[in-house]
Amino acid sequence: MVAAKDPAALIPPEKGRWLPRLARQAIREAFGESLSDPELRLRDAARKDPVFSTRAGTFVTLTRAGRLRGCIGNLTSSDTILEGVRRNALHAAFHDPRFSPLAADELDSTRIEVSVLSVPQKLAFRGPQELLALLHPGRDGVVLKRGLASATFLPQVWQQLPRAEDFLGQLCLKAGLPRTAWKESGIEIETYRVQIFEEEPAC
């Protein structure tokens, strides 16, 4: 297996569109549903395709009526993309502590999005103003750390928090830190890029 470095060219779009479908398959099987022959052929083809045997961090995001319903992932992985998507789909559906487990009658109206990550890279900066200048809103995923506290936002979060100050403030709160902790010493920042594959809205 090969570790992913740049997700921008990692997965061809025509194959990347398989990933939300494969995530949905995993959730459907957890509900005891049987897959059709075309779905089984898709899964077999993905298992044999070397592009999906690459190691990379993945996130699976579930939304219903435009609202978050679950989001679980990992920044890096020793598993393949295919294994990571399956695992994170199940965790997002059933084990996101912010939500009750997904019910079977919710699945048809749930939209699935899969993000494949590049390896996070540490960002060198001196002070909060330089940090703001180095970030690329809308493009960078950001990991914030201080001591044992850490949190990440995918690049998609910039859509809700387009100002870098607000983005970092909310990221601090997610990590359990004060909103202004990103301005203080001892903060570490890593950034990464993602390749995003979405389903069409289910309803």
N, C-alpha and C. Protein backbone atom coordinates (compact mmCIF):
# COMPACT_ATOMS: atom_id res chain seq x y z
N MET A 1 0.84 -1.20 0.00
CA MET A 1 0.00 0.00 0.00
C MET A 1 0.87 1.25 0.00
N VAL A 2 0.39 2.29 -0.66
CA VAL A 2 1.12 3.54 -0.78
C VAL A 2 0.40 4.61 0.01
N ALA A 3 1.15 5.42 0.75
CA ALA A 3 0.54 6.52 1.50
C ALA A 3 0.24 7.68 0.57
N ALA A 4 -0.90 8.32 0.80
CA ALA A 4 -1.31 9.44 -0.05
C ALA A 4 -0.60 10.71 0.37
N LYS A 5 -0.13 11.49 -0.61
CA LYS A 5 0.49 12.78 -0.33
C LYS A 5 -0.38 13.93 -0.80
N ASP A 6 -0.77 13.91 -2.06
CA ASP A 6 -1.57 14.98 -2.62
C ASP A 6 -2.89 14.41 -3.10
N PRO A 7 -4.00 14.68 -2.37
CA PRO A 7 -5.27 14.09 -2.77
C PRO A 7 -5.85 14.71 -4.02
N ALA A 8 -5.33 15.86 -4.45
CA ALA A 8 -5.91 16.54 -5.59
C ALA A 8 -5.86 15.67 -6.84
N ALA A 9 -4.86 14.79 -6.93
CA ALA A 9 -4.73 13.93 -8.10
C ALA A 9 -4.75 12.46 -7.71
N LEU A 10 -5.17 12.16 -6.49
CA LEU A 10 -5.09 10.80 -6.00
C LEU A 10 -6.12 9.88 -6.65
N ILE A 11 -7.37 10.31 -6.69
CA ILE A 11 -8.46 9.46 -7.15
C ILE A 11 -9.13 10.10 -8.36
N PRO A 12 -9.20 9.42 -9.48
CA PRO A 12 -9.93 9.96 -10.63
C PRO A 12 -11.39 10.20 -10.25
N PRO A 13 -11.97 11.32 -10.68
CA PRO A 13 -13.36 11.63 -10.27
C PRO A 13 -14.35 10.54 -10.59
N GLU A 14 -14.18 9.85 -11.73
CA GLU A 14 -15.15 8.82 -12.10
C GLU A 14 -15.11 7.64 -11.14
N LYS A 15 -13.95 7.41 -10.51
CA LYS A 15 -13.86 6.36 -9.50
C LYS A 15 -14.19 6.90 -8.11
N GLY A 16 -13.84 8.14 -7.86
CA GLY A 16 -14.15 8.74 -6.56
C GLY A 16 -15.64 8.75 -6.26
N ARG A 17 -16.44 8.84 -7.31
CA ARG A 17 -17.89 8.83 -7.11
C ARG A 17 -18.39 7.49 -6.55
N TRP A 18 -17.53 6.47 -6.63
CA TRP A 18 -17.91 5.19 -6.01
C TRP A 18 -17.95 5.28 -4.48
N LEU A 19 -17.13 6.15 -3.91
CA LEU A 19 -16.94 6.12 -2.46
C LEU A 19 -18.21 6.41 -1.66
N PRO A 20 -19.00 7.43 -1.98
CA PRO A 20 -20.26 7.59 -1.23
C PRO A 20 -21.20 6.40 -1.40
N ARG A 21 -21.18 5.80 -2.58
CA ARG A 21 -22.03 4.62 -2.81
C ARG A 21 -21.56 3.46 -1.94
N LEU A 22 -20.25 3.30 -1.82
CA LEU A 22 -19.71 2.22 -0.98
C LEU A 22 -19.98 2.49 0.49
N ALA A 23 -19.92 3.76 0.90
CA ALA A 23 -20.27 4.12 2.28
C ALA A 23 -21.73 3.80 2.57
N ARG A 24 -22.60 4.11 1.61
CA ARG A 24 -24.02 3.80 1.78
C ARG A 24 -24.25 2.29 1.87
N GLN A 25 -23.52 1.55 1.05
CA GLN A 25 -23.64 0.09 1.12
C GLN A 25 -23.32 -0.44 2.52
N ALA A 26 -22.26 0.09 3.12
CA ALA A 26 -21.86 -0.38 4.45
C ALA A 26 -22.96 -0.13 5.47
N ILE A 27 -23.59 1.05 5.38
CA ILE A 27 -24.66 1.37 6.33
C ILE A 27 -25.88 0.50 6.07
N ARG A 28 -26.22 0.31 4.80
CA ARG A 28 -27.38 -0.53 4.47
C ARG A 28 -27.18 -1.96 4.98
N GLU A 29 -25.97 -2.49 4.81
CA GLU A 29 -25.71 -3.85 5.30
C GLU A 29 -25.81 -3.92 6.81
N ALA A 30 -25.42 -2.83 7.50
CA ALA A 30 -25.55 -2.81 8.96
C ALA A 30 -27.01 -2.87 9.39
N PHE A 31 -27.91 -2.39 8.53
CA PHE A 31 -29.33 -2.49 8.81
C PHE A 31 -29.91 -3.83 8.37
N GLY A 32 -29.07 -4.72 7.86
CA GLY A 32 -29.52 -6.05 7.46
C GLY A 32 -30.05 -6.13 6.05
N GLU A 33 -29.82 -5.09 5.24
CA GLU A 33 -30.28 -5.11 3.86
C GLU A 33 -29.31 -5.90 2.98
N SER A 34 -29.85 -6.52 1.95
CA SER A 34 -29.03 -7.24 0.97
C SER A 34 -28.70 -6.31 -0.19
N LEU A 35 -27.52 -6.45 -0.74
CA LEU A 35 -27.09 -5.65 -1.87
C LEU A 35 -27.49 -6.33 -3.17
N SER A 36 -27.81 -5.52 -4.16
CA SER A 36 -28.14 -6.04 -5.48
C SER A 36 -26.88 -6.53 -6.18
N ASP A 37 -27.07 -7.28 -7.25
CA ASP A 37 -25.91 -7.77 -8.00
C ASP A 37 -25.04 -6.63 -8.52
N PRO A 38 -25.60 -5.54 -9.09
CA PRO A 38 -24.74 -4.42 -9.53
C PRO A 38 -23.96 -3.80 -8.37
N GLU A 39 -24.58 -3.72 -7.19
CA GLU A 39 -23.87 -3.16 -6.04
C GLU A 39 -22.74 -4.08 -5.60
N LEU A 40 -22.97 -5.36 -5.63
CA LEU A 40 -21.91 -6.31 -5.28
C LEU A 40 -20.76 -6.25 -6.28
N ARG A 41 -21.09 -6.08 -7.56
CA ARG A 41 -20.04 -5.96 -8.58
C ARG A 41 -19.23 -4.68 -8.36
N LEU A 42 -19.90 -3.60 -7.98
CA LEU A 42 -19.19 -2.35 -7.69
C LEU A 42 -18.22 -2.54 -6.53
N ARG A 43 -18.67 -3.19 -5.48
CA ARG A 43 -17.80 -3.42 -4.32
C ARG A 43 -16.62 -4.30 -4.68
N ASP A 44 -16.86 -5.32 -5.46
CA ASP A 44 -15.76 -6.21 -5.88
C ASP A 44 -14.75 -5.46 -6.74
N ALA A 45 -15.25 -4.60 -7.63
CA ALA A 45 -14.35 -3.82 -8.48
C ALA A 45 -13.52 -2.86 -7.65
N ALA A 46 -14.12 -2.24 -6.63
CA ALA A 46 -13.38 -1.31 -5.77
C ALA A 46 -12.31 -2.05 -4.98
N ARG A 47 -12.62 -3.26 -4.52
CA ARG A 47 -11.64 -4.03 -3.74
C ARG A 47 -10.43 -4.41 -4.59
N LYS A 48 -10.63 -4.56 -5.88
CA LYS A 48 -9.54 -4.96 -6.76
C LYS A 48 -8.79 -3.77 -7.34
N ASP A 49 -9.33 -2.57 -7.21
CA ASP A 49 -8.73 -1.40 -7.83
C ASP A 49 -7.59 -0.86 -6.96
N PRO A 50 -6.38 -0.75 -7.48
CA PRO A 50 -5.25 -0.30 -6.65
C PRO A 50 -5.40 1.12 -6.11
N VAL A 51 -6.20 1.96 -6.76
CA VAL A 51 -6.33 3.33 -6.26
C VAL A 51 -6.95 3.35 -4.87
N PHE A 52 -7.80 2.37 -4.57
CA PHE A 52 -8.46 2.34 -3.27
C PHE A 52 -7.65 1.60 -2.22
N SER A 53 -6.51 1.02 -2.61
CA SER A 53 -5.64 0.37 -1.64
C SER A 53 -4.60 1.34 -1.09
N THR A 54 -4.63 2.59 -1.55
CA THR A 54 -3.75 3.63 -1.00
C THR A 54 -4.14 3.92 0.44
N ARG A 55 -3.15 4.23 1.28
CA ARG A 55 -3.42 4.64 2.66
C ARG A 55 -3.63 6.15 2.70
N ALA A 56 -4.72 6.57 3.32
CA ALA A 56 -4.99 8.00 3.46
C ALA A 56 -6.06 8.19 4.53
N GLY A 57 -6.04 9.34 5.17
CA GLY A 57 -7.11 9.70 6.09
C GLY A 57 -8.40 9.92 5.31
N THR A 58 -9.51 9.56 5.91
CA THR A 58 -10.81 9.78 5.29
C THR A 58 -11.81 10.27 6.34
N PHE A 59 -12.78 11.05 5.87
CA PHE A 59 -13.91 11.45 6.70
C PHE A 59 -15.18 11.12 5.94
N VAL A 60 -16.20 10.67 6.66
CA VAL A 60 -17.52 10.46 6.09
C VAL A 60 -18.48 11.39 6.83
N THR A 61 -19.20 12.20 6.05
CA THR A 61 -20.13 13.19 6.60
C THR A 61 -21.54 12.85 6.14
N LEU A 62 -22.47 12.81 7.08
CA LEU A 62 -23.88 12.57 6.81
C LEU A 62 -24.67 13.83 7.08
N THR A 63 -25.57 14.19 6.17
CA THR A 63 -26.45 15.33 6.39
C THR A 63 -27.88 14.93 6.03
N ARG A 64 -28.84 15.57 6.73
CA ARG A 64 -30.26 15.41 6.41
C ARG A 64 -30.89 16.79 6.38
N ALA A 65 -31.57 17.10 5.28
CA ALA A 65 -32.21 18.41 5.10
C ALA A 65 -31.20 19.53 5.32
N GLY A 66 -29.96 19.31 4.87
CA GLY A 66 -28.94 20.34 4.97
C GLY A 66 -28.29 20.47 6.33
N ARG A 67 -28.65 19.61 7.27
CA ARG A 67 -28.09 19.68 8.62
C ARG A 67 -27.22 18.46 8.90
N LEU A 68 -26.15 18.71 9.64
CA LEU A 68 -25.23 17.62 9.98
C LEU A 68 -25.96 16.53 10.76
N ARG A 69 -25.71 15.28 10.37
CA ARG A 69 -26.31 14.13 11.05
C ARG A 69 -25.24 13.18 11.60
N GLY A 70 -24.00 13.40 11.20
CA GLY A 70 -22.90 12.60 11.69
C GLY A 70 -21.66 12.88 10.87
N CYS A 71 -20.51 12.90 11.52
CA CYS A 71 -19.25 13.10 10.80
C CYS A 71 -18.13 12.49 11.62
N ILE A 72 -17.50 11.47 11.08
CA ILE A 72 -16.41 10.79 11.76
C ILE A 72 -15.31 10.51 10.73
N GLY A 73 -14.07 10.62 11.18
CA GLY A 73 -12.97 10.30 10.28
C GLY A 73 -11.66 10.21 11.00
N ASN A 74 -10.61 10.10 10.22
CA ASN A 74 -9.26 10.03 10.77
C ASN A 74 -8.33 10.83 9.87
N LEU A 75 -7.37 11.51 10.48
CA LEU A 75 -6.47 12.40 9.74
C LEU A 75 -5.45 11.62 8.92
N THR A 76 -4.98 10.52 9.45
CA THR A 76 -4.08 9.62 8.72
C THR A 76 -4.56 8.20 9.00
N SER A 77 -4.05 7.25 8.26
CA SER A 77 -4.54 5.89 8.45
C SER A 77 -3.52 4.86 8.02
N SER A 78 -3.50 3.75 8.73
CA SER A 78 -2.74 2.59 8.28
C SER A 78 -3.62 1.67 7.45
N ASP A 79 -4.92 2.02 7.36
CA ASP A 79 -5.85 1.24 6.55
C ASP A 79 -5.92 1.81 5.14
N THR A 80 -6.48 1.04 4.24
CA THR A 80 -6.69 1.53 2.89
C THR A 80 -7.84 2.54 2.88
N ILE A 81 -7.93 3.29 1.80
CA ILE A 81 -9.04 4.22 1.64
C ILE A 81 -10.36 3.48 1.73
N LEU A 82 -10.45 2.34 1.08
CA LEU A 82 -11.69 1.57 1.06
C LEU A 82 -12.08 1.14 2.48
N GLU A 83 -11.12 0.64 3.24
CA GLU A 83 -11.41 0.20 4.61
C GLU A 83 -11.78 1.40 5.49
N GLY A 84 -11.08 2.51 5.31
CA GLY A 84 -11.36 3.70 6.10
C GLY A 84 -12.75 4.25 5.84
N VAL A 85 -13.16 4.27 4.58
CA VAL A 85 -14.49 4.78 4.25
C VAL A 85 -15.56 3.90 4.86
N ARG A 86 -15.40 2.61 4.76
CA ARG A 86 -16.39 1.70 5.34
C ARG A 86 -16.48 1.89 6.86
N ARG A 87 -15.35 1.91 7.52
CA ARG A 87 -15.34 2.06 8.98
C ARG A 87 -15.94 3.40 9.40
N ASN A 88 -15.53 4.48 8.74
CA ASN A 88 -16.00 5.80 9.13
C ASN A 88 -17.47 6.02 8.78
N ALA A 89 -17.95 5.35 7.73
CA ALA A 89 -19.38 5.43 7.43
C ALA A 89 -20.20 4.84 8.58
N LEU A 90 -19.76 3.70 9.09
CA LEU A 90 -20.48 3.07 10.20
C LEU A 90 -20.38 3.90 11.46
N HIS A 91 -19.21 4.46 11.73
CA HIS A 91 -19.06 5.29 12.93
C HIS A 91 -19.89 6.57 12.81
N ALA A 92 -19.90 7.19 11.62
CA ALA A 92 -20.69 8.41 11.45
C ALA A 92 -22.18 8.13 11.62
N ALA A 93 -22.61 6.97 11.15
CA ALA A 93 -24.03 6.63 11.23
C ALA A 93 -24.46 6.23 12.64
N PHE A 94 -23.60 5.54 13.35
CA PHE A 94 -24.03 4.90 14.59
C PHE A 94 -23.26 5.29 15.84
N HIS A 95 -22.12 5.95 15.69
CA HIS A 95 -21.27 6.17 16.87
C HIS A 95 -20.76 7.61 17.00
N ASP A 96 -21.36 8.57 16.30
CA ASP A 96 -21.00 9.97 16.54
C ASP A 96 -21.67 10.38 17.85
N PRO A 97 -20.89 10.73 18.88
CA PRO A 97 -21.49 10.99 20.20
C PRO A 97 -22.40 12.21 20.24
N ARG A 98 -22.37 13.03 19.19
CA ARG A 98 -23.22 14.22 19.16
C ARG A 98 -24.65 13.91 18.74
N PHE A 99 -24.87 12.70 18.20
CA PHE A 99 -26.17 12.36 17.63
C PHE A 99 -26.61 10.98 18.09
N SER A 100 -27.92 10.76 18.04
CA SER A 100 -28.42 9.40 18.24
C SER A 100 -28.09 8.57 17.01
N PRO A 101 -28.00 7.25 17.15
CA PRO A 101 -27.71 6.42 15.99
C PRO A 101 -28.73 6.63 14.88
N LEU A 102 -28.26 6.57 13.65
CA LEU A 102 -29.13 6.72 12.49
C LEU A 102 -30.16 5.60 12.48
N ALA A 103 -31.41 5.94 12.22
CA ALA A 103 -32.47 4.94 12.10
C ALA A 103 -32.60 4.50 10.64
N ALA A 104 -33.08 3.29 10.44
CA ALA A 104 -33.20 2.76 9.09
C ALA A 104 -34.06 3.64 8.20
N ASP A 105 -35.13 4.22 8.78
CA ASP A 105 -36.01 5.04 7.95
C ASP A 105 -35.45 6.42 7.65
N GLU A 106 -34.28 6.74 8.20
CA GLU A 106 -33.62 8.01 7.89
C GLU A 106 -32.66 7.90 6.70
N LEU A 107 -32.25 6.69 6.38
CA LEU A 107 -31.13 6.54 5.44
C LEU A 107 -31.46 7.07 4.05
N ASP A 108 -32.66 6.83 3.56
CA ASP A 108 -32.98 7.28 2.21
C ASP A 108 -32.92 8.80 2.07
N SER A 109 -33.17 9.51 3.14
CA SER A 109 -33.13 10.98 3.10
C SER A 109 -31.82 11.55 3.62
N THR A 110 -30.83 10.68 3.79
CA THR A 110 -29.52 11.11 4.27
C THR A 110 -28.55 11.21 3.11
N ARG A 111 -27.83 12.32 3.04
CA ARG A 111 -26.84 12.54 1.99
C ARG A 111 -25.45 12.20 2.54
N ILE A 112 -24.65 11.53 1.73
CA ILE A 112 -23.34 11.07 2.18
C ILE A 112 -22.24 11.77 1.38
N GLU A 113 -21.25 12.26 2.10
CA GLU A 113 -20.09 12.90 1.49
C GLU A 113 -18.83 12.25 2.04
N VAL A 114 -17.88 11.97 1.17
CA VAL A 114 -16.61 11.36 1.57
C VAL A 114 -15.48 12.32 1.24
N SER A 115 -14.60 12.54 2.20
CA SER A 115 -13.40 13.36 2.01
C SER A 115 -12.17 12.48 2.16
N VAL A 116 -11.26 12.59 1.20
CA VAL A 116 -9.97 11.88 1.26
C VAL A 116 -8.89 12.93 1.49
N LEU A 117 -8.06 12.71 2.50
CA LEU A 117 -7.15 13.75 2.99
C LEU A 117 -5.71 13.53 2.54
N SER A 118 -5.01 14.63 2.34
CA SER A 118 -3.56 14.57 2.25
C SER A 118 -2.98 14.44 3.66
N VAL A 119 -1.72 14.15 3.75
CA VAL A 119 -1.06 14.05 5.06
C VAL A 119 -0.94 15.45 5.67
N PRO A 120 -1.44 15.67 6.89
CA PRO A 120 -1.32 16.99 7.50
C PRO A 120 0.14 17.43 7.63
N GLN A 121 0.37 18.72 7.34
CA GLN A 121 1.70 19.30 7.43
C GLN A 121 1.71 20.42 8.46
N LYS A 122 2.75 20.42 9.30
CA LYS A 122 2.84 21.45 10.33
C LYS A 122 3.08 22.81 9.70
N LEU A 123 2.37 23.82 10.21
CA LEU A 123 2.49 25.19 9.70
C LEU A 123 3.38 25.99 10.65
N ALA A 124 4.45 26.56 10.11
CA ALA A 124 5.37 27.38 10.92
C ALA A 124 4.91 28.83 10.85
N PHE A 125 4.69 29.43 12.00
CA PHE A 125 4.24 30.84 12.04
C PHE A 125 4.72 31.49 13.33
N ARG A 126 4.83 32.79 13.27
CA ARG A 126 5.23 33.57 14.45
C ARG A 126 4.12 34.56 14.76
N GLY A 127 3.25 34.16 15.64
CA GLY A 127 2.20 35.06 16.09
C GLY A 127 0.91 34.92 15.29
N PRO A 128 -0.19 35.43 15.85
CA PRO A 128 -1.51 35.23 15.25
C PRO A 128 -1.67 35.89 13.89
N GLN A 129 -1.07 37.03 13.65
CA GLN A 129 -1.24 37.70 12.36
C GLN A 129 -0.58 36.91 11.24
N GLU A 130 0.58 36.35 11.50
CA GLU A 130 1.23 35.54 10.47
C GLU A 130 0.43 34.26 10.22
N LEU A 131 -0.16 33.69 11.28
CA LEU A 131 -1.01 32.52 11.10
C LEU A 131 -2.17 32.84 10.17
N LEU A 132 -2.84 33.94 10.41
CA LEU A 132 -3.97 34.33 9.56
C LEU A 132 -3.54 34.50 8.11
N ALA A 133 -2.35 35.06 7.91
CA ALA A 133 -1.86 35.32 6.55
C ALA A 133 -1.52 34.03 5.81
N LEU A 134 -1.17 32.98 6.56
CA LEU A 134 -0.74 31.74 5.93
C LEU A 134 -1.88 30.79 5.59
N LEU A 135 -3.03 31.00 6.21
CA LEU A 135 -4.16 30.11 5.96
C LEU A 135 -4.81 30.42 4.61
N HIS A 136 -5.36 29.38 3.98
CA HIS A 136 -6.08 29.53 2.72
C HIS A 136 -7.55 29.16 2.96
N PRO A 137 -8.38 30.16 3.29
CA PRO A 137 -9.80 29.86 3.53
C PRO A 137 -10.44 29.16 2.34
N GLY A 138 -11.26 28.17 2.64
CA GLY A 138 -11.94 27.42 1.60
C GLY A 138 -11.13 26.27 1.04
N ARG A 139 -9.84 26.24 1.31
CA ARG A 139 -8.98 25.21 0.75
C ARG A 139 -8.29 24.37 1.81
N ASP A 140 -7.90 24.98 2.92
CA ASP A 140 -7.17 24.27 3.96
C ASP A 140 -8.10 23.59 4.96
N GLY A 141 -7.85 22.31 5.23
CA GLY A 141 -8.32 21.71 6.46
C GLY A 141 -7.32 22.07 7.54
N VAL A 142 -7.77 22.26 8.75
CA VAL A 142 -6.89 22.76 9.82
C VAL A 142 -7.00 21.86 11.05
N VAL A 143 -5.84 21.49 11.59
CA VAL A 143 -5.75 20.79 12.87
C VAL A 143 -5.15 21.75 13.87
N LEU A 144 -5.78 21.93 15.00
CA LEU A 144 -5.28 22.81 16.07
C LEU A 144 -4.98 21.95 17.29
N LYS A 145 -3.80 22.16 17.88
CA LYS A 145 -3.39 21.38 19.04
C LYS A 145 -2.78 22.29 20.10
N ARG A 146 -3.04 21.96 21.35
CA ARG A 146 -2.28 22.52 22.48
C ARG A 146 -2.30 21.49 23.59
N GLY A 147 -1.12 20.97 23.92
CA GLY A 147 -1.06 19.90 24.90
C GLY A 147 -1.83 18.69 24.42
N LEU A 148 -2.72 18.18 25.26
CA LEU A 148 -3.53 17.03 24.90
C LEU A 148 -4.79 17.40 24.14
N ALA A 149 -5.09 18.68 24.06
CA ALA A 149 -6.29 19.15 23.37
C ALA A 149 -6.04 19.28 21.88
N SER A 150 -6.98 18.81 21.08
CA SER A 150 -6.83 18.94 19.63
C SER A 150 -8.20 18.85 18.97
N ALA A 151 -8.30 19.42 17.78
CA ALA A 151 -9.53 19.35 17.00
C ALA A 151 -9.19 19.69 15.56
N THR A 152 -10.07 19.29 14.66
CA THR A 152 -9.88 19.62 13.25
C THR A 152 -11.19 20.07 12.64
N PHE A 153 -11.09 20.93 11.64
CA PHE A 153 -12.19 21.29 10.76
C PHE A 153 -11.79 20.94 9.34
N LEU A 154 -12.67 20.27 8.62
CA LEU A 154 -12.46 20.04 7.20
C LEU A 154 -12.58 21.37 6.44
N PRO A 155 -12.02 21.45 5.24
CA PRO A 155 -12.14 22.70 4.47
C PRO A 155 -13.58 23.12 4.23
N GLN A 156 -14.52 22.17 4.20
CA GLN A 156 -15.92 22.51 3.98
C GLN A 156 -16.48 23.45 5.04
N VAL A 157 -15.86 23.46 6.24
CA VAL A 157 -16.36 24.30 7.33
C VAL A 157 -16.18 25.78 7.02
N TRP A 158 -15.24 26.11 6.13
CA TRP A 158 -15.07 27.52 5.75
C TRP A 158 -16.35 28.09 5.16
N GLN A 159 -17.21 27.25 4.61
CA GLN A 159 -18.47 27.75 4.05
C GLN A 159 -19.35 28.37 5.13
N GLN A 160 -19.29 27.83 6.34
CA GLN A 160 -20.06 28.39 7.46
C GLN A 160 -19.28 29.45 8.23
N LEU A 161 -17.96 29.37 8.18
CA LEU A 161 -17.10 30.30 8.94
C LEU A 161 -16.04 30.87 8.02
N PRO A 162 -16.41 31.79 7.12
CA PRO A 162 -15.46 32.27 6.11
C PRO A 162 -14.36 33.17 6.66
N ARG A 163 -14.56 33.81 7.82
CA ARG A 163 -13.51 34.64 8.42
C ARG A 163 -12.56 33.74 9.21
N ALA A 164 -11.27 33.88 8.95
CA ALA A 164 -10.29 33.01 9.60
C ALA A 164 -10.34 33.14 11.12
N GLU A 165 -10.59 34.34 11.62
CA GLU A 165 -10.66 34.53 13.06
C GLU A 165 -11.80 33.72 13.68
N ASP A 166 -12.95 33.71 12.99
CA ASP A 166 -14.09 32.93 13.49
C ASP A 166 -13.82 31.43 13.36
N PHE A 167 -13.23 31.04 12.24
CA PHE A 167 -12.90 29.63 11.99
C PHE A 167 -12.00 29.10 13.10
N LEU A 168 -10.94 29.84 13.41
CA LEU A 168 -10.00 29.40 14.44
C LEU A 168 -10.63 29.46 15.83
N GLY A 169 -11.46 30.46 16.07
CA GLY A 169 -12.12 30.55 17.36
C GLY A 169 -13.03 29.37 17.63
N GLN A 170 -13.81 28.99 16.63
CA GLN A 170 -14.69 27.84 16.79
C GLN A 170 -13.89 26.53 16.89
N LEU A 171 -12.77 26.48 16.20
CA LEU A 171 -11.92 25.29 16.28
C LEU A 171 -11.35 25.15 17.69
N CYS A 172 -10.98 26.27 18.29
CA CYS A 172 -10.52 26.23 19.69
C CYS A 172 -11.61 25.70 20.60
N LEU A 173 -12.83 26.19 20.43
CA LEU A 173 -13.94 25.72 21.26
C LEU A 173 -14.16 24.23 21.07
N LYS A 174 -14.07 23.75 19.82
CA LYS A 174 -14.22 22.32 19.56
C LYS A 174 -13.17 21.51 20.30
N ALA A 175 -11.96 22.07 20.44
CA ALA A 175 -10.87 21.38 21.14
C ALA A 175 -10.99 21.51 22.66
N GLY A 176 -11.99 22.24 23.13
CA GLY A 176 -12.15 22.44 24.56
C GLY A 176 -11.28 23.55 25.12
N LEU A 177 -10.84 24.44 24.25
CA LEU A 177 -9.98 25.56 24.66
C LEU A 177 -10.76 26.88 24.59
N PRO A 178 -10.27 27.94 25.24
CA PRO A 178 -10.91 29.25 25.07
C PRO A 178 -10.92 29.68 23.61
N ARG A 179 -11.92 30.47 23.24
CA ARG A 179 -12.08 30.88 21.85
C ARG A 179 -10.84 31.60 21.30
N THR A 180 -10.13 32.32 22.15
CA THR A 180 -8.97 33.11 21.69
C THR A 180 -7.65 32.37 21.87
N ALA A 181 -7.69 31.09 22.19
CA ALA A 181 -6.44 30.35 22.45
C ALA A 181 -5.53 30.33 21.23
N TRP A 182 -6.08 30.44 20.02
CA TRP A 182 -5.25 30.39 18.81
C TRP A 182 -4.28 31.57 18.73
N LYS A 183 -4.52 32.61 19.52
CA LYS A 183 -3.64 33.78 19.53
C LYS A 183 -2.48 33.62 20.51
N GLU A 184 -2.51 32.56 21.31
CA GLU A 184 -1.56 32.41 22.40
C GLU A 184 -0.41 31.49 22.01
N SER A 185 0.65 31.53 22.81
CA SER A 185 1.78 30.64 22.57
C SER A 185 1.40 29.22 22.93
N GLY A 186 2.12 28.27 22.36
CA GLY A 186 1.86 26.87 22.65
C GLY A 186 0.87 26.21 21.70
N ILE A 187 0.30 26.98 20.79
CA ILE A 187 -0.63 26.43 19.81
C ILE A 187 0.14 25.87 18.62
N GLU A 188 -0.22 24.68 18.20
CA GLU A 188 0.34 24.07 16.99
C GLU A 188 -0.76 23.96 15.94
N ILE A 189 -0.41 24.24 14.70
CA ILE A 189 -1.36 24.19 13.59
C ILE A 189 -0.80 23.30 12.49
N GLU A 190 -1.64 22.40 12.00
CA GLU A 190 -1.33 21.61 10.81
C GLU A 190 -2.42 21.86 9.78
N THR A 191 -2.05 21.80 8.52
CA THR A 191 -3.03 21.97 7.46
C THR A 191 -2.97 20.79 6.49
N TYR A 192 -4.08 20.57 5.81
CA TYR A 192 -4.17 19.49 4.83
C TYR A 192 -5.18 19.89 3.77
N ARG A 193 -5.19 19.15 2.68
CA ARG A 193 -6.15 19.37 1.60
C ARG A 193 -7.03 18.12 1.48
N VAL A 194 -8.16 18.27 0.85
CA VAL A 194 -9.05 17.13 0.69
C VAL A 194 -9.55 17.02 -0.74
N GLN A 195 -9.90 15.82 -1.11
CA GLN A 195 -10.62 15.53 -2.32
C GLN A 195 -12.01 15.09 -1.89
N ILE A 196 -13.04 15.75 -2.38
CA ILE A 196 -14.41 15.57 -1.88
C ILE A 196 -15.26 14.88 -2.93
N PHE A 197 -16.00 13.88 -2.47
CA PHE A 197 -16.94 13.16 -3.33
C PHE A 197 -18.31 13.16 -2.67
N GLU A 198 -19.30 13.68 -3.40
CA GLU A 198 -20.63 13.89 -2.83
C GLU A 198 -21.68 13.09 -3.58
N GLU A 199 -22.74 12.77 -2.86
CA GLU A 199 -23.95 12.25 -3.48
C GLU A 199 -24.84 13.42 -3.91
N GLU A 200 -25.73 13.14 -4.83
CA GLU A 200 -26.79 14.10 -5.10
C GLU A 200 -27.74 14.11 -3.89
N PRO A 201 -28.39 15.26 -3.62
CA PRO A 201 -29.33 15.29 -2.48
C PRO A 201 -30.36 14.17 -2.59
N ALA A 202 -30.58 13.50 -1.47
CA ALA A 202 -31.50 12.35 -1.47
C ALA A 202 -32.96 12.78 -1.43
N CYS A 203 -33.22 14.03 -1.05
CA CYS A 203 -34.60 14.50 -1.01
C CYS A 203 -34.60 15.99 -1.15
